[in-house]
Amino acid sequence: MPQQWDSAALFEFLVTRAGLPEDDLPATLDVTFEDIGLDSLAYLQLQSEVAESIGVELPADPPPGYTLADILAAVNPELAA
C-alpha cells in the first residue's frame, strides 16, 4: 500500500477510470468534480476504488466544494497512519 497518494495517481484515475480527457486535466487541485465536468457517478467510482485499493473511506456524500485537494487531504493522513 502506498504511503501517499499523489496528484499523478488521482489524475491517472480521472483519465483511465472516470473518462476525463487528458487535455482537460486541471492545472490545480483546487477544483471539484463538477468544475472539470465529472458527475457524482465518477465520484462514487473514485470512492469505491479508493476504499478497495487503499482502504480509505471518502465521504459518501461529499460536501459542496469538495475539491481534488480535499480528496488527497482525506486519503493521505489515513495512509500515513
PDB file of N, CA and C in Angstrom:
ATOM      1  N   MET A   1       0.841  -1.180   0.000  1.00  0.00           N
ATOM      2  CA  MET A   1       0.000   0.000   0.000  1.00  0.00           C
ATOM      3  C   MET A   1       0.889   1.248   0.000  1.00  0.00           C
ATOM      4  N   PRO A   2       0.575   2.234  -0.832  1.00  0.00           N
ATOM      5  CA  PRO A   2       1.420   3.435  -0.886  1.00  0.00           C
ATOM      6  C   PRO A   2       1.359   4.222   0.407  1.00  0.00           C
ATOM      7  N   GLN A   3       2.435   4.954   0.704  1.00  0.00           N
ATOM      8  CA  GLN A   3       2.464   5.808   1.888  1.00  0.00           C
ATOM      9  C   GLN A   3       1.759   7.134   1.634  1.00  0.00           C
ATOM     10  N   GLN A   4       1.615   7.467   0.349  1.00  0.00           N
ATOM     11  CA  GLN A   4       0.949   8.709  -0.013  1.00  0.00           C
ATOM     12  C   GLN A   4       0.340   8.542  -1.393  1.00  0.00           C
ATOM     13  N   TRP A   5      -0.813   9.144  -1.567  1.00  0.00           N
ATOM     14  CA  TRP A   5      -1.479   9.144  -2.867  1.00  0.00           C
ATOM     15  C   TRP A   5      -1.271  10.525  -3.434  1.00  0.00           C
ATOM     16  N   ASP A   6      -0.646  10.627  -4.589  1.00  0.00           N
ATOM     17  CA  ASP A   6      -0.300  11.941  -5.121  1.00  0.00           C
ATOM     18  C   ASP A   6      -1.231  12.350  -6.255  1.00  0.00           C
ATOM     19  N   SER A   7      -1.028  13.567  -6.745  1.00  0.00           N
ATOM     20  CA  SER A   7      -1.884  14.091  -7.797  1.00  0.00           C
ATOM     21  C   SER A   7      -1.775  13.259  -9.069  1.00  0.00           C
ATOM     22  N   ALA A   8      -0.609  12.698  -9.347  1.00  0.00           N
ATOM     23  CA  ALA A   8      -0.447  11.871 -10.548  1.00  0.00           C
ATOM     24  C   ALA A   8      -1.359  10.649 -10.485  1.00  0.00           C
ATOM     25  N   ALA A   9      -1.458  10.024  -9.329  1.00  0.00           N
ATOM     26  CA  ALA A   9      -2.341   8.861  -9.173  1.00  0.00           C
ATOM     27  C   ALA A   9      -3.800   9.271  -9.314  1.00  0.00           C
ATOM     28  N   LEU A  10      -4.154  10.405  -8.743  1.00  0.00           N
ATOM     29  CA  LEU A  10      -5.522  10.896  -8.862  1.00  0.00           C
ATOM     30  C   LEU A  10      -5.843  11.245 -10.309  1.00  0.00           C
ATOM     31  N   PHE A  11      -4.931  11.920 -10.988  1.00  0.00           N
ATOM     32  CA  PHE A  11      -5.152  12.273 -12.387  1.00  0.00           C
ATOM     33  C   PHE A  11      -5.243  11.020 -13.263  1.00  0.00           C
ATOM     34  N   GLU A  12      -4.430  10.026 -12.966  1.00  0.00           N
ATOM     35  CA  GLU A  12      -4.498   8.772 -13.722  1.00  0.00           C
ATOM     36  C   GLU A  12      -5.883   8.153 -13.591  1.00  0.00           C
ATOM     37  N   PHE A  13      -6.421   8.150 -12.369  1.00  0.00           N
ATOM     38  CA  PHE A  13      -7.778   7.648 -12.174  1.00  0.00           C
ATOM     39  C   PHE A  13      -8.771   8.448 -13.005  1.00  0.00           C
ATOM     40  N   LEU A  14      -8.675   9.775 -12.947  1.00  0.00           N
ATOM     41  CA  LEU A  14      -9.634  10.627 -13.655  1.00  0.00           C
ATOM     42  C   LEU A  14      -9.634  10.347 -15.154  1.00  0.00           C
ATOM     43  N   VAL A  15      -8.471  10.069 -15.709  1.00  0.00           N
ATOM     44  CA  VAL A  15      -8.366   9.808 -17.141  1.00  0.00           C
ATOM     45  C   VAL A  15      -8.770   8.374 -17.474  1.00  0.00           C
ATOM     46  N   THR A  16      -8.221   7.402 -16.762  1.00  0.00           N
ATOM     47  CA  THR A  16      -8.426   5.999 -17.143  1.00  0.00           C
ATOM     48  C   THR A  16      -9.741   5.413 -16.649  1.00  0.00           C
ATOM     49  N   ARG A  17     -10.251   5.897 -15.537  1.00  0.00           N
ATOM     50  CA  ARG A  17     -11.455   5.291 -14.961  1.00  0.00           C
ATOM     51  C   ARG A  17     -12.687   6.188 -15.038  1.00  0.00           C
ATOM     52  N   ALA A  18     -12.491   7.495 -14.929  1.00  0.00           N
ATOM     53  CA  ALA A  18     -13.637   8.410 -14.915  1.00  0.00           C
ATOM     54  C   ALA A  18     -13.925   9.000 -16.289  1.00  0.00           C
ATOM     55  N   GLY A  19     -13.019   8.793 -17.244  1.00  0.00           N
ATOM     56  CA  GLY A  19     -13.262   9.245 -18.597  1.00  0.00           C
ATOM     57  C   GLY A  19     -12.944  10.699 -18.882  1.00  0.00           C
ATOM     58  N   LEU A  20     -12.179  11.336 -18.017  1.00  0.00           N
ATOM     59  CA  LEU A  20     -11.795  12.724 -18.269  1.00  0.00           C
ATOM     60  C   LEU A  20     -10.730  12.747 -19.367  1.00  0.00           C
ATOM     61  N   PRO A  21     -10.969  13.508 -20.439  1.00  0.00           N
ATOM     62  CA  PRO A  21      -9.927  13.606 -21.466  1.00  0.00           C
ATOM     63  C   PRO A  21      -8.637  14.189 -20.876  1.00  0.00           C
ATOM     64  N   GLU A  22      -7.518  13.615 -21.252  1.00  0.00           N
ATOM     65  CA  GLU A  22      -6.232  14.057 -20.707  1.00  0.00           C
ATOM     66  C   GLU A  22      -6.007  15.550 -20.926  1.00  0.00           C
ATOM     67  N   ASP A  23      -6.513  16.078 -22.031  1.00  0.00           N
ATOM     68  CA  ASP A  23      -6.370  17.507 -22.313  1.00  0.00           C
ATOM     69  C   ASP A  23      -7.161  18.380 -21.339  1.00  0.00           C
ATOM     70  N   ASP A  24      -8.111  17.774 -20.622  1.00  0.00           N
ATOM     71  CA  ASP A  24      -8.951  18.524 -19.683  1.00  0.00           C
ATOM     72  C   ASP A  24      -8.472  18.421 -18.235  1.00  0.00           C
ATOM     73  N   LEU A  25      -7.317  17.797 -18.020  1.00  0.00           N
ATOM     74  CA  LEU A  25      -6.803  17.723 -16.647  1.00  0.00           C
ATOM     75  C   LEU A  25      -6.589  19.139 -16.117  1.00  0.00           C
ATOM     76  N   PRO A  26      -6.993  19.387 -14.881  1.00  0.00           N
ATOM     77  CA  PRO A  26      -6.859  20.741 -14.343  1.00  0.00           C
ATOM     78  C   PRO A  26      -5.414  21.088 -14.006  1.00  0.00           C
ATOM     79  N   ALA A  27      -5.139  22.363 -13.993  1.00  0.00           N
ATOM     80  CA  ALA A  27      -3.803  22.851 -13.645  1.00  0.00           C
ATOM     81  C   ALA A  27      -3.617  22.910 -12.131  1.00  0.00           C
ATOM     82  N   THR A  28      -4.707  22.826 -11.402  1.00  0.00           N
ATOM     83  CA  THR A  28      -4.677  22.925  -9.950  1.00  0.00           C
ATOM     84  C   THR A  28      -5.568  21.849  -9.344  1.00  0.00           C
ATOM     85  N   LEU A  29      -5.327  21.532  -8.098  1.00  0.00           N
ATOM     86  CA  LEU A  29      -6.172  20.569  -7.389  1.00  0.00           C
ATOM     87  C   LEU A  29      -7.339  21.251  -6.687  1.00  0.00           C
ATOM     88  N   ASP A  30      -7.423  22.558  -6.803  1.00  0.00           N
ATOM     89  CA  ASP A  30      -8.484  23.314  -6.138  1.00  0.00           C
ATOM     90  C   ASP A  30      -9.737  23.409  -6.991  1.00  0.00           C
ATOM     91  N   VAL A  31     -10.117  22.278  -7.585  1.00  0.00           N
ATOM     92  CA  VAL A  31     -11.330  22.192  -8.397  1.00  0.00           C
ATOM     93  C   VAL A  31     -12.158  21.000  -7.935  1.00  0.00           C
ATOM     94  N   THR A  32     -13.457  21.091  -8.156  1.00  0.00           N
ATOM     95  CA  THR A  32     -14.357  19.992  -7.813  1.00  0.00           C
ATOM     96  C   THR A  32     -14.555  19.091  -9.030  1.00  0.00           C
ATOM     97  N   PHE A  33     -15.172  17.949  -8.804  1.00  0.00           N
ATOM     98  CA  PHE A  33     -15.512  17.070  -9.921  1.00  0.00           C
ATOM     99  C   PHE A  33     -16.406  17.820 -10.899  1.00  0.00           C
ATOM    100  N   GLU A  34     -17.350  18.580 -10.384  1.00  0.00           N
ATOM    101  CA  GLU A  34     -18.254  19.348 -11.243  1.00  0.00           C
ATOM    102  C   GLU A  34     -17.486  20.363 -12.087  1.00  0.00           C
ATOM    103  N   ASP A  35     -16.491  21.006 -11.488  1.00  0.00           N
ATOM    104  CA  ASP A  35     -15.692  22.005 -12.213  1.00  0.00           C
ATOM    105  C   ASP A  35     -15.018  21.425 -13.455  1.00  0.00           C
ATOM    106  N   ILE A  36     -14.644  20.143 -13.389  1.00  0.00           N
ATOM    107  CA  ILE A  36     -13.939  19.527 -14.519  1.00  0.00           C
ATOM    108  C   ILE A  36     -14.866  18.661 -15.370  1.00  0.00           C
ATOM    109  N   GLY A  37     -16.168  18.798 -15.126  1.00  0.00           N
ATOM    110  CA  GLY A  37     -17.148  18.131 -15.974  1.00  0.00           C
ATOM    111  C   GLY A  37     -17.444  16.688 -15.616  1.00  0.00           C
ATOM    112  N   LEU A  38     -17.104  16.266 -14.403  1.00  0.00           N
ATOM    113  CA  LEU A  38     -17.406  14.902 -13.973  1.00  0.00           C
ATOM    114  C   LEU A  38     -18.600  14.931 -13.024  1.00  0.00           C
ATOM    115  N   ASP A  39     -19.391  13.870 -13.063  1.00  0.00           N
ATOM    116  CA  ASP A  39     -20.605  13.834 -12.264  1.00  0.00           C
ATOM    117  C   ASP A  39     -20.425  13.016 -10.987  1.00  0.00           C
ATOM    118  N   SER A  40     -21.526  12.873 -10.257  1.00  0.00           N
ATOM    119  CA  SER A  40     -21.483  12.155  -8.985  1.00  0.00           C
ATOM    120  C   SER A  40     -21.167  10.674  -9.185  1.00  0.00           C
ATOM    121  N   LEU A  41     -21.499  10.120 -10.323  1.00  0.00           N
ATOM    122  CA  LEU A  41     -21.151   8.714 -10.576  1.00  0.00           C
ATOM    123  C   LEU A  41     -19.642   8.526 -10.664  1.00  0.00           C
ATOM    124  N   ALA A  42     -18.955   9.491 -11.252  1.00  0.00           N
ATOM    125  CA  ALA A  42     -17.492   9.427 -11.305  1.00  0.00           C
ATOM    126  C   ALA A  42     -16.918   9.498  -9.893  1.00  0.00           C
ATOM    127  N   TYR A  43     -17.514  10.351  -9.046  1.00  0.00           N
ATOM    128  CA  TYR A  43     -17.050  10.435  -7.662  1.00  0.00           C
ATOM    129  C   TYR A  43     -17.294   9.116  -6.940  1.00  0.00           C
ATOM    130  N   LEU A  44     -18.462   8.523  -7.129  1.00  0.00           N
ATOM    131  CA  LEU A  44     -18.759   7.248  -6.473  1.00  0.00           C
ATOM    132  C   LEU A  44     -17.790   6.164  -6.925  1.00  0.00           C
ATOM    133  N   GLN A  45     -17.410   6.194  -8.186  1.00  0.00           N
ATOM    134  CA  GLN A  45     -16.424   5.231  -8.689  1.00  0.00           C
ATOM    135  C   GLN A  45     -15.079   5.455  -8.000  1.00  0.00           C
ATOM    136  N   LEU A  46     -14.678   6.717  -7.860  1.00  0.00           N
ATOM    137  CA  LEU A  46     -13.430   7.030  -7.158  1.00  0.00           C
ATOM    138  C   LEU A  46     -13.519   6.573  -5.711  1.00  0.00           C
ATOM    139  N   GLN A  47     -14.630   6.878  -5.073  1.00  0.00           N
ATOM    140  CA  GLN A  47     -14.823   6.493  -3.675  1.00  0.00           C
ATOM    141  C   GLN A  47     -14.667   4.979  -3.506  1.00  0.00           C
ATOM    142  N   SER A  48     -15.278   4.221  -4.393  1.00  0.00           N
ATOM    143  CA  SER A  48     -15.194   2.767  -4.336  1.00  0.00           C
ATOM    144  C   SER A  48     -13.768   2.282  -4.580  1.00  0.00           C
ATOM    145  N   GLU A  49     -13.128   2.841  -5.577  1.00  0.00           N
ATOM    146  CA  GLU A  49     -11.747   2.448  -5.906  1.00  0.00           C
ATOM    147  C   GLU A  49     -10.785   2.736  -4.751  1.00  0.00           C
ATOM    148  N   VAL A  50     -10.918   3.894  -4.137  1.00  0.00           N
ATOM    149  CA  VAL A  50     -10.052   4.261  -3.019  1.00  0.00           C
ATOM    150  C   VAL A  50     -10.279   3.307  -1.853  1.00  0.00           C
ATOM    151  N   ALA A  51     -11.537   2.989  -1.573  1.00  0.00           N
ATOM    152  CA  ALA A  51     -11.837   2.064  -0.476  1.00  0.00           C
ATOM    153  C   ALA A  51     -11.260   0.676  -0.751  1.00  0.00           C
ATOM    154  N   GLU A  52     -11.420   0.204  -1.980  1.00  0.00           N
ATOM    155  CA  GLU A  52     -10.944  -1.139  -2.319  1.00  0.00           C
ATOM    156  C   GLU A  52      -9.429  -1.223  -2.434  1.00  0.00           C
ATOM    157  N   SER A  53      -8.815  -0.251  -3.083  1.00  0.00           N
ATOM    158  CA  SER A  53      -7.391  -0.379  -3.385  1.00  0.00           C
ATOM    159  C   SER A  53      -6.484   0.087  -2.261  1.00  0.00           C
ATOM    160  N   ILE A  54      -6.905   1.111  -1.520  1.00  0.00           N
ATOM    161  CA  ILE A  54      -6.007   1.598  -0.466  1.00  0.00           C
ATOM    162  C   ILE A  54      -6.659   1.642   0.908  1.00  0.00           C
ATOM    163  N   GLY A  55      -7.925   1.218   1.001  1.00  0.00           N
ATOM    164  CA  GLY A  55      -8.569   1.062   2.293  1.00  0.00           C
ATOM    165  C   GLY A  55      -8.955   2.348   3.001  1.00  0.00           C
ATOM    166  N   VAL A  56      -9.188   3.393   2.251  1.00  0.00           N
ATOM    167  CA  VAL A  56      -9.568   4.677   2.839  1.00  0.00           C
ATOM    168  C   VAL A  56     -10.976   5.018   2.386  1.00  0.00           C
ATOM    169  N   GLU A  57     -11.820   5.388   3.355  1.00  0.00           N
ATOM    170  CA  GLU A  57     -13.202   5.752   3.050  1.00  0.00           C
ATOM    171  C   GLU A  57     -13.314   7.254   2.826  1.00  0.00           C
ATOM    172  N   LEU A  58     -13.773   7.638   1.645  1.00  0.00           N
ATOM    173  CA  LEU A  58     -14.099   9.036   1.362  1.00  0.00           C
ATOM    174  C   LEU A  58     -15.557   9.264   1.751  1.00  0.00           C
ATOM    175  N   PRO A  59     -15.948  10.512   1.983  1.00  0.00           N
ATOM    176  CA  PRO A  59     -17.340  10.774   2.350  1.00  0.00           C
ATOM    177  C   PRO A  59     -18.305  10.250   1.281  1.00  0.00           C
ATOM    178  N   ALA A  60     -19.364   9.590   1.726  1.00  0.00           N
ATOM    179  CA  ALA A  60     -20.356   9.074   0.789  1.00  0.00           C
ATOM    180  C   ALA A  60     -21.057  10.215   0.066  1.00  0.00           C
ATOM    181  N   ASP A  61     -21.273  11.282   0.777  1.00  0.00           N
ATOM    182  CA  ASP A  61     -21.927  12.458   0.205  1.00  0.00           C
ATOM    183  C   ASP A  61     -20.985  13.638   0.429  1.00  0.00           C
ATOM    184  N   PRO A  62     -20.103  13.911  -0.541  1.00  0.00           N
ATOM    185  CA  PRO A  62     -19.100  14.958  -0.315  1.00  0.00           C
ATOM    186  C   PRO A  62     -19.755  16.325  -0.109  1.00  0.00           C
ATOM    187  N   PRO A  63     -19.192  17.124   0.761  1.00  0.00           N
ATOM    188  CA  PRO A  63     -19.748  18.461   0.989  1.00  0.00           C
ATOM    189  C   PRO A  63     -19.595  19.340  -0.253  1.00  0.00           C
ATOM    190  N   PRO A  64     -20.430  20.363  -0.376  1.00  0.00           N
ATOM    191  CA  PRO A  64     -20.276  21.278  -1.507  1.00  0.00           C
ATOM    192  C   PRO A  64     -18.851  21.847  -1.528  1.00  0.00           C
ATOM    193  N   GLY A  65     -18.302  21.945  -2.699  1.00  0.00           N
ATOM    194  CA  GLY A  65     -16.962  22.499  -2.825  1.00  0.00           C
ATOM    195  C   GLY A  65     -15.846  21.523  -2.519  1.00  0.00           C
ATOM    196  N   TYR A  66     -16.161  20.220  -2.419  1.00  0.00           N
ATOM    197  CA  TYR A  66     -15.156  19.194  -2.116  1.00  0.00           C
ATOM    198  C   TYR A  66     -14.217  19.068  -3.314  1.00  0.00           C
ATOM    199  N   THR A  67     -12.979  19.487  -3.136  1.00  0.00           N
ATOM    200  CA  THR A  67     -12.027  19.580  -4.240  1.00  0.00           C
ATOM    201  C   THR A  67     -11.138  18.349  -4.355  1.00  0.00           C
ATOM    202  N   LEU A  68     -10.397  18.304  -5.442  1.00  0.00           N
ATOM    203  CA  LEU A  68      -9.405  17.237  -5.602  1.00  0.00           C
ATOM    204  C   LEU A  68      -8.365  17.316  -4.494  1.00  0.00           C
ATOM    205  N   ALA A  69      -8.005  18.517  -4.080  1.00  0.00           N
ATOM    206  CA  ALA A  69      -7.067  18.694  -2.963  1.00  0.00           C
ATOM    207  C   ALA A  69      -7.658  18.121  -1.679  1.00  0.00           C
ATOM    208  N   ASP A  70      -8.958  18.304  -1.472  1.00  0.00           N
ATOM    209  CA  ASP A  70      -9.627  17.753  -0.290  1.00  0.00           C
ATOM    210  C   ASP A  70      -9.570  16.223  -0.297  1.00  0.00           C
ATOM    211  N   ILE A  71      -9.707  15.646  -1.485  1.00  0.00           N
ATOM    212  CA  ILE A  71      -9.637  14.186  -1.591  1.00  0.00           C
ATOM    213  C   ILE A  71      -8.259  13.696  -1.158  1.00  0.00           C
ATOM    214  N   LEU A  72      -7.214  14.318  -1.668  1.00  0.00           N
ATOM    215  CA  LEU A  72      -5.858  13.915  -1.264  1.00  0.00           C
ATOM    216  C   LEU A  72      -5.634  14.171   0.214  1.00  0.00           C
ATOM    217  N   ALA A  73      -6.188  15.259   0.742  1.00  0.00           N
ATOM    218  CA  ALA A  73      -6.038  15.577   2.169  1.00  0.00           C
ATOM    219  C   ALA A  73      -6.766  14.569   3.036  1.00  0.00           C
ATOM    220  N   ALA A  74      -7.822  13.946   2.517  1.00  0.00           N
ATOM    221  CA  ALA A  74      -8.543  12.916   3.267  1.00  0.00           C
ATOM    222  C   ALA A  74      -7.810  11.581   3.202  1.00  0.00           C
ATOM    223  N   VAL A  75      -7.232  11.273   2.064  1.00  0.00           N
ATOM    224  CA  VAL A  75      -6.590   9.983   1.856  1.00  0.00           C
ATOM    225  C   VAL A  75      -5.235   9.885   2.533  1.00  0.00           C
ATOM    226  N   ASN A  76      -4.393  10.883   2.362  1.00  0.00           N
ATOM    227  CA  ASN A  76      -3.001  10.755   2.796  1.00  0.00           C
ATOM    228  C   ASN A  76      -2.769  10.611   4.297  1.00  0.00           C
ATOM    229  N   PRO A  77      -3.496  11.306   5.165  1.00  0.00           N
ATOM    230  CA  PRO A  77      -3.298  11.049   6.602  1.00  0.00           C
ATOM    231  C   PRO A  77      -3.652   9.609   6.999  1.00  0.00           C
ATOM    232  N   GLU A  78      -4.650   9.058   6.342  1.00  0.00           N
ATOM    233  CA  GLU A  78      -5.034   7.670   6.612  1.00  0.00           C
ATOM    234  C   GLU A  78      -3.950   6.694   6.175  1.00  0.00           C
ATOM    235  N   LEU A  79      -3.322   6.983   5.053  1.00  0.00           N
ATOM    236  CA  LEU A  79      -2.241   6.121   4.568  1.00  0.00           C
ATOM    237  C   LEU A  79      -1.012   6.206   5.481  1.00  0.00           C
ATOM    238  N   ALA A  80      -0.764   7.379   6.019  1.00  0.00           N
ATOM    239  CA  ALA A  80       0.403   7.561   6.861  1.00  0.00           C
ATOM    240  C   ALA A  80       0.226   6.939   8.238  1.00  0.00           C
ATOM    241  N   ALA A  81      -1.022   6.723   8.636  1.00  0.00           N
ATOM    242  CA  ALA A  81      -1.298   6.189   9.997  1.00  0.00           C
ATOM    243  C   ALA A  81      -0.925   4.732  10.120  1.00  0.00           C
TER     244      ALA A  81
END
